[in-house]
Protein backbone atom coordinates (compact mmCIF):
# COMPACT_ATOMS: atom_id res chain seq x y z
CA MET A 1 -37.02 17.03 1.19
CA VAL A 2 -33.97 17.40 3.44
CA ASN A 3 -34.36 18.45 7.05
CA SER A 4 -32.74 17.65 10.36
CA LEU A 5 -35.12 14.74 10.96
CA PHE A 6 -33.97 13.07 7.71
CA TYR A 7 -30.36 13.16 8.88
CA LYS A 8 -31.37 12.04 12.38
CA ARG A 9 -33.15 8.95 11.07
CA LEU A 10 -30.34 8.09 8.67
CA TYR A 11 -27.66 8.44 11.34
CA GLU A 12 -29.66 6.48 13.93
CA TRP A 13 -30.09 3.66 11.43
CA TYR A 14 -26.35 3.76 10.68
CA GLU A 15 -25.39 3.68 14.34
CA ILE A 16 -27.39 0.49 14.84
CA HIS A 17 -26.77 -1.38 11.59
CA HIS A 18 -23.38 -0.37 10.20
CA ARG A 19 -20.67 -2.94 9.64
CA VAL A 20 -17.35 -2.54 11.43
CA LEU A 21 -14.85 -2.11 8.61
CA PRO A 22 -11.13 -1.37 9.14
CA TRP A 23 -11.02 1.74 6.93
CA ARG A 24 -13.84 3.26 8.98
CA GLU A 25 -11.72 2.96 12.11
CA THR A 26 -9.01 5.32 10.84
CA GLU A 27 -8.55 8.86 9.60
CA ASN A 28 -5.22 7.96 7.97
CA ALA A 29 -5.67 9.37 4.46
CA TYR A 30 -3.20 6.89 2.95
CA TYR A 31 -5.18 3.94 4.31
CA ILE A 32 -8.49 5.48 3.23
CA TRP A 33 -7.11 6.01 -0.28
CA LEU A 34 -6.02 2.37 -0.41
CA SER A 35 -9.50 1.24 0.61
CA GLU A 36 -11.22 3.44 -1.97
CA ILE A 37 -9.08 2.09 -4.82
CA ILE A 38 -9.44 -1.52 -3.67
CA LEU A 39 -13.23 -1.21 -3.35
CA GLN A 40 -13.67 0.05 -6.92
CA GLN A 41 -15.24 -2.92 -8.73
CA THR A 42 -14.71 -5.10 -5.64
CA ARG A 43 -17.10 -6.40 -2.97
CA VAL A 44 -16.39 -5.34 0.60
CA ALA A 45 -16.02 -8.93 1.83
CA GLN A 46 -13.27 -9.58 -0.70
CA GLY A 47 -11.66 -6.16 -0.34
CA ILE A 48 -10.96 -6.44 3.41
CA GLU A 49 -8.35 -9.16 2.92
CA TYR A 50 -6.49 -7.10 0.31
CA TYR A 51 -6.69 -3.92 2.38
CA VAL A 52 -5.17 -5.63 5.41
CA ARG A 53 -2.50 -7.21 3.23
CA PHE A 54 -1.47 -3.90 1.65
CA ILE A 55 -1.23 -1.89 4.87
CA SER A 56 0.63 -4.74 6.56
CA ARG A 57 3.22 -4.97 3.81
CA TRP A 58 3.45 -1.22 3.06
CA PRO A 59 2.28 0.66 6.19
CA LYS A 60 3.67 3.97 4.88
CA ILE A 61 3.13 5.55 1.50
CA GLU A 62 6.87 5.89 0.89
CA GLU A 63 7.19 2.12 1.28
CA LEU A 64 4.53 1.52 -1.37
CA ALA A 65 6.27 4.00 -3.67
CA ALA A 66 9.60 2.17 -3.25
CA ALA A 67 8.08 -1.24 -4.07
CA ASP A 68 8.55 -2.96 -7.41
CA GLU A 69 5.48 -2.84 -9.61
CA SER A 70 5.65 -6.63 -9.93
CA ASP A 71 5.29 -6.96 -6.14
CA VAL A 72 2.29 -4.61 -6.10
CA LEU A 73 0.65 -6.60 -8.88
CA ARG A 74 1.40 -9.83 -7.01
CA GLU A 75 -0.41 -8.55 -3.91
CA TRP A 76 -3.30 -7.40 -6.13
CA GLN A 77 -3.58 -10.84 -7.75
CA GLY A 78 -7.16 -12.06 -7.91
CA LEU A 79 -8.84 -8.63 -7.65
CA GLY A 80 -8.92 -7.96 -11.38
CA TYR A 81 -8.91 -4.56 -13.10
CA TYR A 82 -5.14 -4.42 -12.64
CA SER A 83 -4.89 -0.84 -13.92
CA ARG A 84 -6.04 0.10 -10.41
CA ALA A 85 -2.89 -1.43 -8.93
CA ARG A 86 -0.62 0.16 -11.53
CA ASN A 87 -2.18 3.58 -10.91
CA LEU A 88 -1.95 3.04 -7.15
CA HIS A 89 1.78 2.51 -7.48
CA LYS A 90 2.21 5.47 -9.87
CA ALA A 91 0.28 7.74 -7.52
CA ALA A 92 2.40 6.76 -4.52
CA LYS A 93 5.58 7.51 -6.47
CA GLN A 94 4.13 10.83 -7.64
CA ILE A 95 3.29 11.85 -4.05
CA ILE A 96 6.78 10.98 -2.79
CA GLU A 97 8.48 12.77 -5.67
CA SER A 98 6.42 15.93 -5.09
CA GLN A 99 7.32 16.05 -1.38
CA LYS A 100 10.89 14.77 -1.44
CA SER A 101 12.56 18.18 -1.38
CA LYS A 102 10.43 19.38 1.57
CA VAL A 103 11.15 16.27 3.61
CA GLU A 104 14.87 16.34 2.82
CA SER A 105 15.12 20.05 3.71
CA GLY A 106 13.17 19.60 6.94
CA GLN A 107 10.18 21.71 5.85
CA GLN A 108 7.95 18.73 6.72
CA ASP A 109 8.64 15.73 8.94
CA THR A 110 7.13 12.92 6.91
CA PHE A 111 5.58 12.10 3.57
CA CYS A 112 1.84 12.77 3.66
CA PHE A 113 -1.13 11.97 1.49
CA PRO A 114 -2.50 15.16 -0.17
CA ASN A 115 -5.14 17.00 1.86
CA THR A 116 -6.96 19.07 -0.78
CA PHE A 117 -9.50 17.92 -3.35
CA GLU A 118 -7.45 19.37 -6.20
CA ASP A 119 -4.23 17.60 -5.19
CA ILE A 120 -6.05 14.30 -4.60
CA ARG A 121 -7.83 14.63 -7.97
CA SER A 122 -4.48 15.10 -9.75
CA LEU A 123 -3.30 11.59 -8.83
CA PRO A 124 -3.36 8.75 -11.39
CA GLY A 125 -6.50 6.62 -11.23
CA ILE A 126 -8.56 9.17 -9.29
CA GLY A 127 -11.59 10.98 -10.70
CA ASP A 128 -13.90 13.56 -9.20
CA TYR A 129 -16.02 11.09 -7.27
CA THR A 130 -13.12 9.15 -5.75
CA ALA A 131 -11.33 12.39 -4.83
CA GLY A 132 -14.48 13.60 -3.10
CA ALA A 133 -14.84 10.36 -1.17
CA ILE A 134 -11.24 10.48 0.07
CA ALA A 135 -11.50 14.18 1.01
CA SER A 136 -14.66 13.54 3.02
CA PHE A 137 -13.61 10.30 4.74
CA ALA A 138 -10.06 11.41 5.55
CA TYR A 139 -10.58 15.11 6.25
CA ASN A 140 -14.37 15.54 6.70
CA GLN A 141 -14.37 18.00 3.81
CA PRO A 142 -17.82 18.74 2.27
CA TYR A 143 -17.68 16.49 -0.78
CA ALA A 144 -20.17 13.82 -1.76
CA ALA A 145 -19.11 10.16 -2.12
CA MET A 146 -20.91 8.25 -4.84
CA ASP A 147 -20.85 4.49 -5.39
CA GLY A 148 -23.30 2.03 -6.93
CA ASN A 149 -25.26 1.76 -3.71
CA VAL A 150 -25.67 5.53 -3.48
CA TYR A 151 -26.90 5.76 -7.09
CA ARG A 152 -29.67 3.37 -6.10
CA VAL A 153 -30.60 5.32 -2.95
CA ILE A 154 -30.72 8.65 -4.79
CA ALA A 155 -32.73 7.19 -7.68
CA ARG A 156 -35.36 5.93 -5.25
CA LEU A 157 -35.44 8.84 -2.82
CA MET A 158 -36.01 11.26 -5.70
CA ASP A 159 -37.75 8.85 -8.10
CA ILE A 160 -35.24 9.51 -10.90
CA ASP A 161 -35.81 7.33 -13.95
CA GLU A 162 -32.85 8.73 -15.91
CA VAL A 163 -30.12 6.25 -16.87
CA PHE A 164 -27.46 6.65 -14.19
CA ASP A 165 -24.38 5.03 -15.74
CA THR A 166 -23.71 7.56 -18.51
CA SER A 167 -21.71 10.79 -18.29
CA ALA A 168 -24.90 12.85 -18.21
CA GLY A 169 -26.53 10.51 -15.72
CA LYS A 170 -23.55 10.59 -13.37
CA LYS A 171 -23.58 14.39 -13.39
CA LEU A 172 -27.31 14.47 -12.66
CA PHE A 173 -27.10 12.01 -9.77
CA HIS A 174 -24.04 13.70 -8.33
CA SER A 175 -25.80 17.07 -8.35
CA ARG A 176 -28.77 15.52 -6.52
CA LEU A 177 -26.44 13.97 -3.96
CA GLU A 178 -24.74 17.35 -3.46
CA GLU A 179 -28.16 18.81 -2.65
CA LEU A 180 -28.66 16.09 -0.04
CA LEU A 181 -25.17 16.25 1.48
CA ASP A 182 -24.83 17.15 5.16
CA ARG A 183 -21.92 19.55 4.75
CA GLU A 184 -21.23 19.82 8.46
CA ASN A 185 -20.89 16.04 8.80
CA ALA A 186 -19.72 14.87 5.37
CA ARG A 187 -17.78 11.87 6.68
CA LEU A 188 -20.75 10.56 8.64
CA PHE A 189 -23.27 11.32 5.92
CA ASN A 190 -21.28 9.58 3.17
CA SER A 191 -20.61 6.54 5.34
CA ALA A 192 -24.27 6.32 6.34
CA ILE A 193 -25.82 6.68 2.89
CA MET A 194 -23.39 4.20 1.33
CA GLU A 195 -24.14 1.68 4.06
CA PHE A 196 -27.86 2.35 3.72
CA GLY A 197 -27.68 1.38 0.05
CA ALA A 198 -25.61 -1.71 0.83
CA LEU A 199 -27.82 -3.08 3.60
CA GLN A 200 -31.28 -1.47 3.47
CA CYS A 201 -32.03 0.00 0.05
CA THR A 202 -30.81 -3.10 -1.78
CA PRO A 203 -31.40 -4.22 -5.41
CA ASN A 204 -33.93 -6.83 -4.26
CA LEU A 205 -36.04 -4.94 -1.77
CA GLY A 206 -38.34 -7.61 -0.35
CA ASP A 207 -39.81 -6.14 2.84
CA ASN A 208 -37.10 -3.49 3.15
CA CYS A 209 -39.37 -0.68 1.99
CA ILE A 210 -41.98 -1.49 4.64
CA ASN A 211 -39.36 -1.24 7.40
CA CYS A 212 -37.42 1.68 5.92
CA PRO A 213 -36.71 4.58 8.31
CA LEU A 214 -36.58 6.98 5.31
CA GLN A 215 -39.90 5.82 3.89
CA ASN A 216 -41.58 9.21 4.44
CA TYR A 217 -38.86 10.89 2.37
CA CYS A 218 -38.84 8.41 -0.52
CA ALA A 219 -40.63 9.53 -3.70
CA ALA A 220 -40.26 6.10 -5.31
CA TYR A 221 -41.99 4.45 -2.35
CA ALA A 222 -44.84 6.95 -2.63
CA HIS A 223 -45.16 6.31 -6.37
CA GLY A 224 -44.66 2.54 -6.22
CA THR A 225 -41.61 2.63 -8.50
CA ALA A 226 -38.79 1.57 -6.15
CA ASP A 227 -38.37 -1.88 -7.72
CA LEU A 228 -37.84 -0.26 -11.14
CA LEU A 229 -34.94 1.94 -10.07
CA PRO A 230 -32.22 2.77 -10.79
CA VAL A 231 -32.25 2.57 -14.60
CA ARG A 232 -29.09 1.21 -16.20
CA LYS A 233 -27.98 1.60 -19.81
CA PRO A 234 -28.01 -1.59 -21.95
CA ARG A 235 -25.02 -3.83 -21.49
CA PRO A 236 -22.44 -3.68 -24.31
CA LYS A 237 -21.97 -6.72 -26.50
CA VAL A 238 -19.49 -9.19 -25.07
CA ARG A 239 -16.33 -9.70 -27.15
CA GLU A 240 -15.39 -13.35 -27.71
CA ARG A 241 -11.68 -14.24 -27.66
CA TRP A 242 -9.86 -17.57 -28.10
CA PHE A 243 -6.49 -18.24 -26.40
CA ASP A 244 -4.23 -21.28 -26.52
CA TYR A 245 -1.81 -21.45 -23.60
CA HIS A 246 1.13 -23.82 -24.02
CA VAL A 247 2.18 -25.36 -20.74
CA TYR A 248 5.62 -26.92 -21.13
CA ILE A 249 6.61 -29.30 -18.36
CA LYS A 250 10.16 -30.57 -17.83
CA ASP A 251 10.57 -32.19 -14.44
CA VAL A 252 9.75 -29.38 -11.99
CA TYR A 253 10.19 -26.58 -14.52
CA THR A 254 7.98 -24.69 -16.96
CA LEU A 255 7.99 -21.53 -19.09
CA ILE A 256 6.17 -18.27 -18.45
CA ARG A 257 6.22 -14.79 -19.96
CA ARG A 258 5.00 -11.33 -19.03
CA ARG A 259 2.17 -9.71 -21.01
CA GLU A 260 3.50 -6.48 -22.52
CA ASP A 261 0.65 -5.46 -24.85
CA LYS A 262 -1.66 -2.75 -23.47
CA ASP A 263 -4.49 -5.23 -23.12
CA ILE A 264 -6.08 -7.28 -20.37
CA TRP A 265 -3.66 -8.51 -17.69
CA TYR A 266 -0.96 -6.01 -18.70
CA HIS A 267 2.34 -6.83 -16.90
CA LEU A 268 0.94 -10.05 -15.44
CA TYR A 269 2.63 -13.39 -16.08
CA GLU A 270 1.23 -16.36 -17.97
CA PHE A 271 2.20 -19.41 -19.99
CA PRO A 272 3.20 -18.74 -23.63
CA CYS A 273 -0.01 -17.82 -25.40
CA GLN A 274 -1.41 -17.70 -28.93
CA GLU A 275 -4.65 -15.87 -29.76
CA TYR A 276 -7.03 -16.76 -32.62
CA GLU A 277 -9.67 -14.65 -34.37
CA LYS A 278 -12.18 -17.51 -34.16
CA ALA A 279 -12.51 -20.80 -32.37
CA PRO A 280 -9.75 -23.26 -33.42
CA SER A 281 -11.04 -26.39 -35.15
CA ASP A 282 -8.38 -28.79 -33.90
CA ASN A 283 -8.72 -30.90 -30.78
CA PRO A 284 -5.30 -31.27 -29.11
CA GLN A 285 -4.66 -34.02 -26.62
CA CYS A 286 -3.83 -33.18 -23.02
CA ALA A 287 -5.71 -29.88 -23.09
CA LEU A 288 -7.67 -28.22 -20.33
CA SER A 289 -10.50 -25.99 -21.56
CA LEU A 290 -11.73 -23.06 -19.45
CA THR A 291 -14.06 -20.13 -20.05
CA HIS A 292 -13.32 -16.90 -18.23
CA VAL A 293 -15.74 -13.97 -18.25
CA LEU A 294 -14.54 -10.39 -17.82
CA SER A 295 -16.73 -7.28 -17.81
CA HIS A 296 -16.96 -7.02 -21.61
CA GLN A 297 -15.02 -10.06 -22.79
CA ARG A 298 -15.42 -13.82 -22.73
CA ILE A 299 -12.13 -15.72 -22.93
CA HIS A 300 -12.22 -19.26 -24.31
CA ALA A 301 -8.91 -20.73 -23.20
CA ARG A 302 -7.19 -24.04 -23.80
CA PHE A 303 -4.20 -24.96 -21.66
CA ILE A 304 -2.31 -27.46 -23.79
CA ILE A 305 0.10 -29.65 -21.81
CA HIS A 306 3.48 -30.50 -23.35
CA LYS A 307 5.67 -32.87 -21.35
CA VAL A 308 9.12 -32.39 -22.85
CA SER A 309 12.71 -33.52 -22.34
CA GLN A 310 13.96 -30.01 -23.19
CA LEU A 311 12.16 -26.70 -22.76
CA PRO A 312 11.83 -24.87 -26.10
CA GLU A 313 13.23 -21.41 -26.75
CA ILE A 314 10.30 -19.00 -27.03
CA LYS A 315 10.67 -15.24 -27.39
CA ASP A 316 10.28 -13.40 -24.05
CA ALA A 317 9.58 -16.66 -22.17
CA PHE A 318 11.79 -17.80 -19.32
CA CYS A 319 12.16 -20.87 -17.15
CA VAL A 320 10.82 -21.10 -13.59
CA SER A 321 10.08 -23.95 -11.25
CA TRP A 322 6.47 -24.74 -10.41
CA GLN A 323 7.14 -23.68 -6.84
CA GLU A 324 8.43 -20.28 -8.01
CA LEU A 325 5.14 -19.51 -9.78
CA ASP A 326 3.83 -18.30 -6.42
CA ASP A 327 6.27 -15.38 -6.67
CA PHE A 328 4.67 -13.96 -9.84
CA ALA A 329 1.47 -12.00 -10.38
CA LEU A 330 -0.80 -14.27 -12.41
CA SER A 331 -4.25 -13.69 -13.89
CA ARG A 332 -7.22 -15.35 -12.23
CA LEU A 333 -7.61 -17.53 -15.34
CA THR A 334 -4.04 -18.80 -15.02
CA LEU A 335 -4.56 -19.46 -11.31
CA ARG A 336 -7.68 -21.48 -12.12
CA ALA A 337 -5.74 -23.55 -14.62
CA LEU A 338 -2.86 -24.14 -12.20
CA SER A 339 -5.26 -25.52 -9.62
CA LEU A 340 -6.38 -28.14 -12.17
CA ILE A 341 -3.13 -29.02 -13.92
CA SER A 342 -1.26 -32.03 -12.61
CA HIS A 343 2.47 -31.68 -13.07
């Protein structure tokens, strides 16, 4: 299927239609790594703001490594999947620790992001596919970059009706992408095919197939199956959870605590919380009810307001002013509640 004309058409399309994105304007491996981690589970439009914020606050990897985890989580606030931020911080510290002796002895001038697939892959929070993407975008090394958009393009180009989001499916699709990869121009190829999936070969095709520059190479178009692909495994059952948050208000002060259990929102701050195995039957006054949906969980939360003359003593909770809440990394659910609570 692959020939020079395929690449020519793909690259011509990319040259005309691609979006100008800040991480495409640099070969700084540290910045590219930041963008790849931010864009996992995050839309590009939302990710740009966070990318700019991170490189503005921590323009060098040693500065990110020296930051407090709480500050990193605070900058990540609102993106969700906070393990990404924790692993980002761990990886930065790991890189600095591994190079400290060379920098201090003068063997190298500065701290650098790793430049081999193996060293990139060894970092916390990075798998084979992310390591390949960073190696190709930062160093033009011949590795394929796979995201959700690329799964869709490969499924349609090759008319693959195998489920793509399983371990076996990911291996199959990655092997097909490796066959397609332009090894001489890996950076350009990966950028182009990812953008092609984002803008042209979209979930809802409409007239996109009719105007597609790769139409002659697309098996799904020839077979009339493009709208059926890719095939996803059934969604897991959503877990229902019930939380009561107790919002104590004394003048301009309240109580918060940090989540320490290895669960959702680990190391984020929240109001004192009690979880129930099933929906509570009581109906407290001065309560704000919110439902918050995560990937596999649905949180039914009540924020119960207590206006008190003295803040109670609660294990692991501490007093802050309402104004100081902006200094802490809070879950999106807590931020939603704060926007609605009148204090």
